[in-house]
Amino acid sequence: MSNKIVFETDAFAATKEVWLKASEYLGINKETGTSEIKRLSPNKVQIISLSGDILAELSATVKGNKKVWCQNKTVC
C-alpha cells in the first residue's frame, strides 16, 4: 500500500527546514509558540503541543537527493 507524500525536503535537511514544511502542510502557525517539533531520528519527527499531545507524526524515505515525508507511522 502506497502512502501519500505530503512534502519533500533536501536529503540532509536541518530540523528547521522540516519544521517549516511540516507546519505549512499541517496549517500550524509556528509563530504562536503552541507547538514544537521533536526529531525522533533523521527520518522521523513528531509535532507536539506544549501540553505533550502528539499532533502529527511524520516519517521520511530518502529518494535520490530528496526525502519524501508521509504522515503516518510507516515509511512512505
Protein backbone atom coordinates (compact mmCIF):
# COMPACT_ATOMS: atom_id res chain seq x y z
CA MET A 1 0.00 0.00 0.00
CA SER A 2 1.37 3.38 -1.01
CA ASN A 3 1.20 6.31 1.39
CA LYS A 4 0.56 9.89 0.32
CA ILE A 5 3.68 12.05 0.18
CA VAL A 6 2.90 15.29 2.00
CA PHE A 7 6.12 17.24 1.29
CA GLU A 8 9.75 16.87 0.24
CA THR A 9 12.99 18.22 1.69
CA ASP A 10 16.66 18.01 0.86
CA ALA A 11 18.16 14.64 1.86
CA PHE A 12 20.20 16.34 4.61
CA ALA A 13 17.59 18.89 5.69
CA ALA A 14 18.02 20.52 9.07
CA THR A 15 15.17 20.33 11.57
CA LYS A 16 14.27 23.95 10.73
CA GLU A 17 13.54 23.08 7.09
CA VAL A 18 11.44 20.07 8.14
CA TRP A 19 9.54 22.22 10.67
CA LEU A 20 8.76 24.90 8.08
CA LYS A 21 7.43 22.35 5.57
CA ALA A 22 5.50 20.37 8.21
CA SER A 23 3.90 23.44 9.79
CA GLU A 24 2.86 24.70 6.35
CA TYR A 25 1.34 21.30 5.46
CA LEU A 26 -0.46 20.96 8.81
CA GLY A 27 -1.62 24.60 8.89
CA ILE A 28 0.16 25.27 12.17
CA ASN A 29 1.20 28.84 12.92
CA LYS A 30 4.63 28.22 14.40
CA GLU A 31 4.87 31.87 15.49
CA THR A 32 2.22 31.36 18.21
CA GLY A 33 4.52 29.02 20.12
CA THR A 34 1.77 26.50 20.89
CA SER A 35 3.55 23.54 19.31
CA GLU A 36 7.05 22.24 18.77
CA ILE A 37 8.86 19.66 16.69
CA LYS A 38 10.55 16.65 18.22
CA ARG A 39 13.07 14.89 15.98
CA LEU A 40 12.99 11.20 16.87
CA SER A 41 15.54 10.20 14.21
CA PRO A 42 16.85 11.64 10.94
CA ASN A 43 13.75 10.23 9.21
CA LYS A 44 11.04 10.64 11.83
CA VAL A 45 9.56 13.68 13.60
CA GLN A 46 6.61 14.42 15.86
CA ILE A 47 4.76 17.71 16.11
CA ILE A 48 3.60 18.07 19.70
CA SER A 49 1.56 20.62 21.61
CA LEU A 50 3.05 22.24 24.68
CA SER A 51 0.81 20.02 26.80
CA GLY A 52 2.55 16.97 25.28
CA ASP A 53 -0.22 15.82 22.92
CA ILE A 54 1.03 14.43 19.60
CA LEU A 55 -0.48 16.49 16.78
CA ALA A 56 1.25 14.63 13.93
CA GLU A 57 3.94 12.06 13.28
CA LEU A 58 5.89 12.23 10.02
CA SER A 59 8.24 9.65 8.50
CA ALA A 60 10.66 10.11 5.61
CA THR A 61 12.26 7.94 2.98
CA VAL A 62 15.35 9.00 1.06
CA LYS A 63 14.79 9.04 -2.70
CA GLY A 64 17.94 10.20 -4.50
CA ASN A 65 18.92 13.60 -3.14
CA LYS A 66 15.48 14.21 -1.58
CA LYS A 67 13.50 12.99 1.40
CA VAL A 68 9.81 12.38 0.89
CA TRP A 69 7.70 12.77 4.03
CA CYS A 70 4.45 10.95 4.84
CA GLN A 71 2.09 11.44 7.76
CA ASN A 72 1.71 8.12 9.50
CA LYS A 73 3.74 5.56 11.40
CA THR A 74 5.01 3.62 8.40
CA VAL A 75 7.60 4.60 5.86
CA CYS A 76 6.44 6.10 2.53
